[in-house]
């Protein structure tokens, strides 16, 4: 299922970013991998390394397109 989650985080430079993620989740609501990532400020490798963790922690705010 195509799922999305929008949240704010600080990037590696300490800039506040609005991040929009789209990803696949299985029928049990488990994260299966990103399909799109957008941020209004640059994201760096260290930011991306933790992105899945932020998304999984925000599971209660996921929006699923059925």
PDB file of N, CA and C in Angstrom:
ATOM      1  N   UNK A   1       0.838  -1.184   0.000  1.00  0.00           N
ATOM      2  CA  UNK A   1       0.000   0.000   0.000  1.00  0.00           C
ATOM      3  C   UNK A   1       0.877   1.239   0.000  1.00  0.00           C
ATOM      4  N   UNK A   2       0.505   2.203  -0.844  1.00  0.00           N
ATOM      5  CA  UNK A   2       1.259   3.457  -0.854  1.00  0.00           C
ATOM      6  C   UNK A   2       0.884   4.270   0.378  1.00  0.00           C
ATOM      7  N   UNK A   3       1.891   4.676   1.111  1.00  0.00           N
ATOM      8  CA  UNK A   3       1.705   5.375   2.375  1.00  0.00           C
ATOM      9  C   UNK A   3       2.573   6.622   2.377  1.00  0.00           C
ATOM     10  N   UNK A   4       2.128   7.650   3.097  1.00  0.00           N
ATOM     11  CA  UNK A   4       2.937   8.861   3.198  1.00  0.00           C
ATOM     12  C   UNK A   4       2.982   9.342   4.643  1.00  0.00           C
ATOM     13  N   UNK A   5       4.001  10.116   4.912  1.00  0.00           N
ATOM     14  CA  UNK A   5       4.193  10.673   6.238  1.00  0.00           C
ATOM     15  C   UNK A   5       4.948  11.990   6.077  1.00  0.00           C
ATOM     16  N   UNK A   6       4.434  13.045   6.675  1.00  0.00           N
ATOM     17  CA  UNK A   6       5.049  14.366   6.632  1.00  0.00           C
ATOM     18  C   UNK A   6       5.461  14.731   8.055  1.00  0.00           C
ATOM     19  N   UNK A   7       6.694  15.188   8.203  1.00  0.00           N
ATOM     20  CA  UNK A   7       7.184  15.538   9.539  1.00  0.00           C
ATOM     21  C   UNK A   7       8.292  16.578   9.428  1.00  0.00           C
ATOM     22  N   UNK A   8       8.687  17.128  10.554  1.00  0.00           N
ATOM     23  CA  UNK A   8       9.795  18.075  10.617  1.00  0.00           C
ATOM     24  C   UNK A   8      10.960  17.439  11.354  1.00  0.00           C
ATOM     25  N   UNK A   9      12.151  17.783  10.894  1.00  0.00           N
ATOM     26  CA  UNK A   9      13.376  17.306  11.544  1.00  0.00           C
ATOM     27  C   UNK A   9      14.474  18.335  11.295  1.00  0.00           C
ATOM     28  N   UNK A  10      15.524  18.265  12.081  1.00  0.00           N
ATOM     29  CA  UNK A  10      16.698  19.101  11.850  1.00  0.00           C
ATOM     30  C   UNK A  10      17.686  18.301  11.009  1.00  0.00           C
ATOM     31  N   UNK A  11      18.221  18.938   9.957  1.00  0.00           N
ATOM     32  CA  UNK A  11      19.230  18.249   9.153  1.00  0.00           C
ATOM     33  C   UNK A  11      20.597  18.350   9.829  1.00  0.00           C
ATOM     34  N   UNK A  12      21.584  17.798   9.168  1.00  0.00           N
ATOM     35  CA  UNK A  12      22.948  17.747   9.720  1.00  0.00           C
ATOM     36  C   UNK A  12      23.509  19.132  10.039  1.00  0.00           C
ATOM     37  N   UNK A  13      23.039  20.158   9.336  1.00  0.00           N
ATOM     38  CA  UNK A  13      23.508  21.531   9.573  1.00  0.00           C
ATOM     39  C   UNK A  13      22.684  22.261  10.630  1.00  0.00           C
ATOM     40  N   UNK A  14      21.694  21.568  11.206  1.00  0.00           N
ATOM     41  CA  UNK A  14      20.841  22.178  12.215  1.00  0.00           C
ATOM     42  C   UNK A  14      19.698  22.986  11.634  1.00  0.00           C
ATOM     43  N   UNK A  15      19.452  22.871  10.332  1.00  0.00           N
ATOM     44  CA  UNK A  15      18.338  23.574   9.692  1.00  0.00           C
ATOM     45  C   UNK A  15      17.062  22.762   9.859  1.00  0.00           C
ATOM     46  N   UNK A  16      15.982  23.444  10.208  1.00  0.00           N
ATOM     47  CA  UNK A  16      14.689  22.775  10.349  1.00  0.00           C
ATOM     48  C   UNK A  16      14.151  22.471   8.958  1.00  0.00           C
ATOM     49  N   UNK A  17      13.754  21.231   8.716  1.00  0.00           N
ATOM     50  CA  UNK A  17      13.277  20.780   7.404  1.00  0.00           C
ATOM     51  C   UNK A  17      11.874  20.196   7.521  1.00  0.00           C
ATOM     52  N   UNK A  18      11.052  20.484   6.522  1.00  0.00           N
ATOM     53  CA  UNK A  18       9.789  19.757   6.386  1.00  0.00           C
ATOM     54  C   UNK A  18      10.058  18.634   5.398  1.00  0.00           C
ATOM     55  N   UNK A  19       9.826  17.410   5.817  1.00  0.00           N
ATOM     56  CA  UNK A  19      10.137  16.241   5.014  1.00  0.00           C
ATOM     57  C   UNK A  19       8.844  15.516   4.658  1.00  0.00           C
ATOM     58  N   UNK A  20       8.684  15.226   3.373  1.00  0.00           N
ATOM     59  CA  UNK A  20       7.538  14.462   2.881  1.00  0.00           C
ATOM     60  C   UNK A  20       8.094  13.137   2.377  1.00  0.00           C
ATOM     61  N   UNK A  21       7.596  12.037   2.934  1.00  0.00           N
ATOM     62  CA  UNK A  21       8.040  10.717   2.493  1.00  0.00           C
ATOM     63  C   UNK A  21       6.851   9.941   1.947  1.00  0.00           C
ATOM     64  N   UNK A  22       7.106   9.187   0.910  1.00  0.00           N
ATOM     65  CA  UNK A  22       6.138   8.222   0.383  1.00  0.00           C
ATOM     66  C   UNK A  22       6.856   6.892   0.373  1.00  0.00           C
ATOM     67  N   UNK A  23       6.133   5.863   0.741  1.00  0.00           N
ATOM     68  CA  UNK A  23       6.761   4.559   0.879  1.00  0.00           C
ATOM     69  C   UNK A  23       5.709   3.470   0.800  1.00  0.00           C
ATOM     70  N   UNK A  24       6.171   2.248   0.665  1.00  0.00           N
ATOM     71  CA  UNK A  24       5.287   1.095   0.654  1.00  0.00           C
ATOM     72  C   UNK A  24       5.223   0.497   2.049  1.00  0.00           C
ATOM     73  N   UNK A  25       4.028   0.038   2.406  1.00  0.00           N
ATOM     74  CA  UNK A  25       3.815  -0.688   3.663  1.00  0.00           C
ATOM     75  C   UNK A  25       2.992  -1.926   3.331  1.00  0.00           C
ATOM     76  N   UNK A  26       3.253  -3.008   4.030  1.00  0.00           N
ATOM     77  CA  UNK A  26       2.490  -4.228   3.763  1.00  0.00           C
ATOM     78  C   UNK A  26       1.119  -4.167   4.429  1.00  0.00           C
ATOM     79  N   UNK A  27       0.329  -5.215   4.266  1.00  0.00           N
ATOM     80  CA  UNK A  27      -1.038  -5.229   4.791  1.00  0.00           C
ATOM     81  C   UNK A  27      -1.093  -5.176   6.313  1.00  0.00           C
ATOM     82  N   UNK A  28       0.015  -5.476   6.972  1.00  0.00           N
ATOM     83  CA  UNK A  28       0.086  -5.394   8.432  1.00  0.00           C
ATOM     84  C   UNK A  28       0.623  -4.050   8.896  1.00  0.00           C
ATOM     85  N   UNK A  29       0.886  -3.143   7.956  1.00  0.00           N
ATOM     86  CA  UNK A  29       1.369  -1.816   8.302  1.00  0.00           C
ATOM     87  C   UNK A  29       2.854  -1.737   8.583  1.00  0.00           C
ATOM     88  N   UNK A  30       3.608  -2.684   8.046  1.00  0.00           N
ATOM     89  CA  UNK A  30       5.064  -2.664   8.242  1.00  0.00           C
ATOM     90  C   UNK A  30       5.730  -1.929   7.086  1.00  0.00           C
ATOM     91  N   UNK A  31       6.667  -1.081   7.411  1.00  0.00           N
ATOM     92  CA  UNK A  31       7.433  -0.312   6.433  1.00  0.00           C
ATOM     93  C   UNK A  31       8.177  -1.261   5.500  1.00  0.00           C
ATOM     94  N   UNK A  32       8.083  -0.976   4.162  1.00  0.00           N
ATOM     95  CA  UNK A  32       8.756  -1.835   3.187  1.00  0.00           C
ATOM     96  C   UNK A  32       9.776  -1.100   2.318  1.00  0.00           C
ATOM     97  N   UNK A  33       9.877   0.208   2.419  1.00  0.00           N
ATOM     98  CA  UNK A  33      10.879   0.933   1.644  1.00  0.00           C
ATOM     99  C   UNK A  33      10.333   2.202   1.025  1.00  0.00           C
ATOM    100  N   UNK A  34      11.198   3.190   0.902  1.00  0.00           N
ATOM    101  CA  UNK A  34      10.808   4.491   0.356  1.00  0.00           C
ATOM    102  C   UNK A  34      10.596   4.423  -1.153  1.00  0.00           C
ATOM    103  N   UNK A  35       9.616   5.195  -1.630  1.00  0.00           N
ATOM    104  CA  UNK A  35       9.438   5.389  -3.067  1.00  0.00           C
ATOM    105  C   UNK A  35       9.759   6.833  -3.448  1.00  0.00           C
ATOM    106  N   UNK A  36       9.574   7.776  -2.499  1.00  0.00           N
ATOM    107  CA  UNK A  36       9.904   9.189  -2.737  1.00  0.00           C
ATOM    108  C   UNK A  36      10.255   9.856  -1.409  1.00  0.00           C
ATOM    109  N   UNK A  37      11.200  10.794  -1.495  1.00  0.00           N
ATOM    110  CA  UNK A  37      11.575  11.609  -0.344  1.00  0.00           C
ATOM    111  C   UNK A  37      11.727  13.040  -0.841  1.00  0.00           C
ATOM    112  N   UNK A  38      11.076  13.985  -0.167  1.00  0.00           N
ATOM    113  CA  UNK A  38      11.195  15.400  -0.518  1.00  0.00           C
ATOM    114  C   UNK A  38      11.454  16.178   0.771  1.00  0.00           C
ATOM    115  N   UNK A  39      12.346  17.154   0.680  1.00  0.00           N
ATOM    116  CA  UNK A  39      12.611  18.039   1.811  1.00  0.00           C
ATOM    117  C   UNK A  39      12.773  19.456   1.289  1.00  0.00           C
ATOM    118  N   UNK A  40      12.279  20.429   2.056  1.00  0.00           N
ATOM    119  CA  UNK A  40      12.419  21.821   1.637  1.00  0.00           C
ATOM    120  C   UNK A  40      13.827  22.364   1.875  1.00  0.00           C
ATOM    121  N   UNK A  41      14.665  21.616   2.581  1.00  0.00           N
ATOM    122  CA  UNK A  41      16.079  21.950   2.790  1.00  0.00           C
ATOM    123  C   UNK A  41      16.886  20.688   2.466  1.00  0.00           C
ATOM    124  N   UNK A  42      18.179  20.834   2.205  1.00  0.00           N
ATOM    125  CA  UNK A  42      18.990  19.658   1.875  1.00  0.00           C
ATOM    126  C   UNK A  42      19.027  18.629   3.011  1.00  0.00           C
ATOM    127  N   UNK A  43      19.012  17.365   2.623  1.00  0.00           N
ATOM    128  CA  UNK A  43      19.246  16.267   3.549  1.00  0.00           C
ATOM    129  C   UNK A  43      20.584  15.639   3.184  1.00  0.00           C
ATOM    130  N   UNK A  44      21.346  15.291   4.188  1.00  0.00           N
ATOM    131  CA  UNK A  44      22.678  14.748   3.981  1.00  0.00           C
ATOM    132  C   UNK A  44      22.691  13.269   4.353  1.00  0.00           C
ATOM    133  N   UNK A  45      23.788  12.595   4.068  1.00  0.00           N
ATOM    134  CA  UNK A  45      23.843  11.143   4.275  1.00  0.00           C
ATOM    135  C   UNK A  45      23.504  10.747   5.713  1.00  0.00           C
ATOM    136  N   UNK A  46      23.966  11.514   6.678  1.00  0.00           N
ATOM    137  CA  UNK A  46      23.647  11.203   8.082  1.00  0.00           C
ATOM    138  C   UNK A  46      22.148  11.350   8.349  1.00  0.00           C
ATOM    139  N   UNK A  47      21.510  12.337   7.719  1.00  0.00           N
ATOM    140  CA  UNK A  47      20.064  12.519   7.860  1.00  0.00           C
ATOM    141  C   UNK A  47      19.316  11.332   7.258  1.00  0.00           C
ATOM    142  N   UNK A  48      19.747  10.933   6.070  1.00  0.00           N
ATOM    143  CA  UNK A  48      19.088   9.823   5.378  1.00  0.00           C
ATOM    144  C   UNK A  48      19.275   8.505   6.124  1.00  0.00           C
ATOM    145  N   UNK A  49      20.407   8.363   6.799  1.00  0.00           N
ATOM    146  CA  UNK A  49      20.674   7.139   7.558  1.00  0.00           C
ATOM    147  C   UNK A  49      19.641   6.926   8.664  1.00  0.00           C
ATOM    148  N   UNK A  50      19.045   8.007   9.163  1.00  0.00           N
ATOM    149  CA  UNK A  50      18.086   7.908  10.265  1.00  0.00           C
ATOM    150  C   UNK A  50      16.638   8.106   9.816  1.00  0.00           C
ATOM    151  N   UNK A  51      16.424   8.315   8.532  1.00  0.00           N
ATOM    152  CA  UNK A  51      15.095   8.643   8.035  1.00  0.00           C
ATOM    153  C   UNK A  51      14.076   7.539   8.301  1.00  0.00           C
ATOM    154  N   UNK A  52      14.446   6.296   8.048  1.00  0.00           N
ATOM    155  CA  UNK A  52      13.508   5.191   8.289  1.00  0.00           C
ATOM    156  C   UNK A  52      13.088   5.156   9.762  1.00  0.00           C
ATOM    157  N   UNK A  53      14.018   5.404  10.655  1.00  0.00           N
ATOM    158  CA  UNK A  53      13.714   5.406  12.092  1.00  0.00           C
ATOM    159  C   UNK A  53      12.660   6.465  12.415  1.00  0.00           C
ATOM    160  N   UNK A  54      12.800   7.681  11.861  1.00  0.00           N
ATOM    161  CA  UNK A  54      11.814   8.742  12.083  1.00  0.00           C
ATOM    162  C   UNK A  54      10.438   8.316  11.569  1.00  0.00           C
ATOM    163  N   UNK A  55      10.421   7.707  10.381  1.00  0.00           N
ATOM    164  CA  UNK A  55       9.144   7.301   9.776  1.00  0.00           C
ATOM    165  C   UNK A  55       8.468   6.213  10.610  1.00  0.00           C
ATOM    166  N   UNK A  56       9.204   5.215  11.012  1.00  0.00           N
ATOM    167  CA  UNK A  56       8.629   4.125  11.802  1.00  0.00           C
ATOM    168  C   UNK A  56       8.118   4.645  13.151  1.00  0.00           C
ATOM    169  N   UNK A  57       8.835   5.576  13.764  1.00  0.00           N
ATOM    170  CA  UNK A  57       8.396   6.151  15.034  1.00  0.00           C
ATOM    171  C   UNK A  57       7.108   6.961  14.877  1.00  0.00           C
ATOM    172  N   UNK A  58       6.855   7.491  13.691  1.00  0.00           N
ATOM    173  CA  UNK A  58       5.649   8.284  13.446  1.00  0.00           C
ATOM    174  C   UNK A  58       4.495   7.489  12.866  1.00  0.00           C
ATOM    175  N   UNK A  59       4.518   6.179  13.016  1.00  0.00           N
ATOM    176  CA  UNK A  59       3.536   5.292  12.384  1.00  0.00           C
ATOM    177  C   UNK A  59       2.090   5.702  12.646  1.00  0.00           C
ATOM    178  N   UNK A  60       1.804   6.224  13.800  1.00  0.00           N
ATOM    179  CA  UNK A  60       0.418   6.607  14.124  1.00  0.00           C
ATOM    180  C   UNK A  60      -0.065   7.794  13.291  1.00  0.00           C
ATOM    181  N   UNK A  61       0.832   8.451  12.557  1.00  0.00           N
ATOM    182  CA  UNK A  61       0.459   9.603  11.718  1.00  0.00           C
ATOM    183  C   UNK A  61       0.583   9.291  10.224  1.00  0.00           C
ATOM    184  N   UNK A  62       0.816   8.026   9.867  1.00  0.00           N
ATOM    185  CA  UNK A  62       0.900   7.649   8.470  1.00  0.00           C
ATOM    186  C   UNK A  62      -0.456   7.821   7.790  1.00  0.00           C
ATOM    187  N   UNK A  63      -0.420   8.171   6.516  1.00  0.00           N
ATOM    188  CA  UNK A  63      -1.628   8.271   5.707  1.00  0.00           C
ATOM    189  C   UNK A  63      -1.497   7.257   4.592  1.00  0.00           C
ATOM    190  N   UNK A  64      -2.453   6.322   4.517  1.00  0.00           N
ATOM    191  CA  UNK A  64      -2.402   5.246   3.520  1.00  0.00           C
ATOM    192  C   UNK A  64      -3.420   5.496   2.423  1.00  0.00           C
ATOM    193  N   UNK A  65      -2.941   5.395   1.199  1.00  0.00           N
ATOM    194  CA  UNK A  65      -3.815   5.539   0.030  1.00  0.00           C
ATOM    195  C   UNK A  65      -4.307   4.143  -0.346  1.00  0.00           C
ATOM    196  N   UNK A  66      -5.598   3.961  -0.323  1.00  0.00           N
ATOM    197  CA  UNK A  66      -6.164   2.633  -0.617  1.00  0.00           C
ATOM    198  C   UNK A  66      -6.795   2.598  -1.982  1.00  0.00           C
TER     199      UNK A  66
END
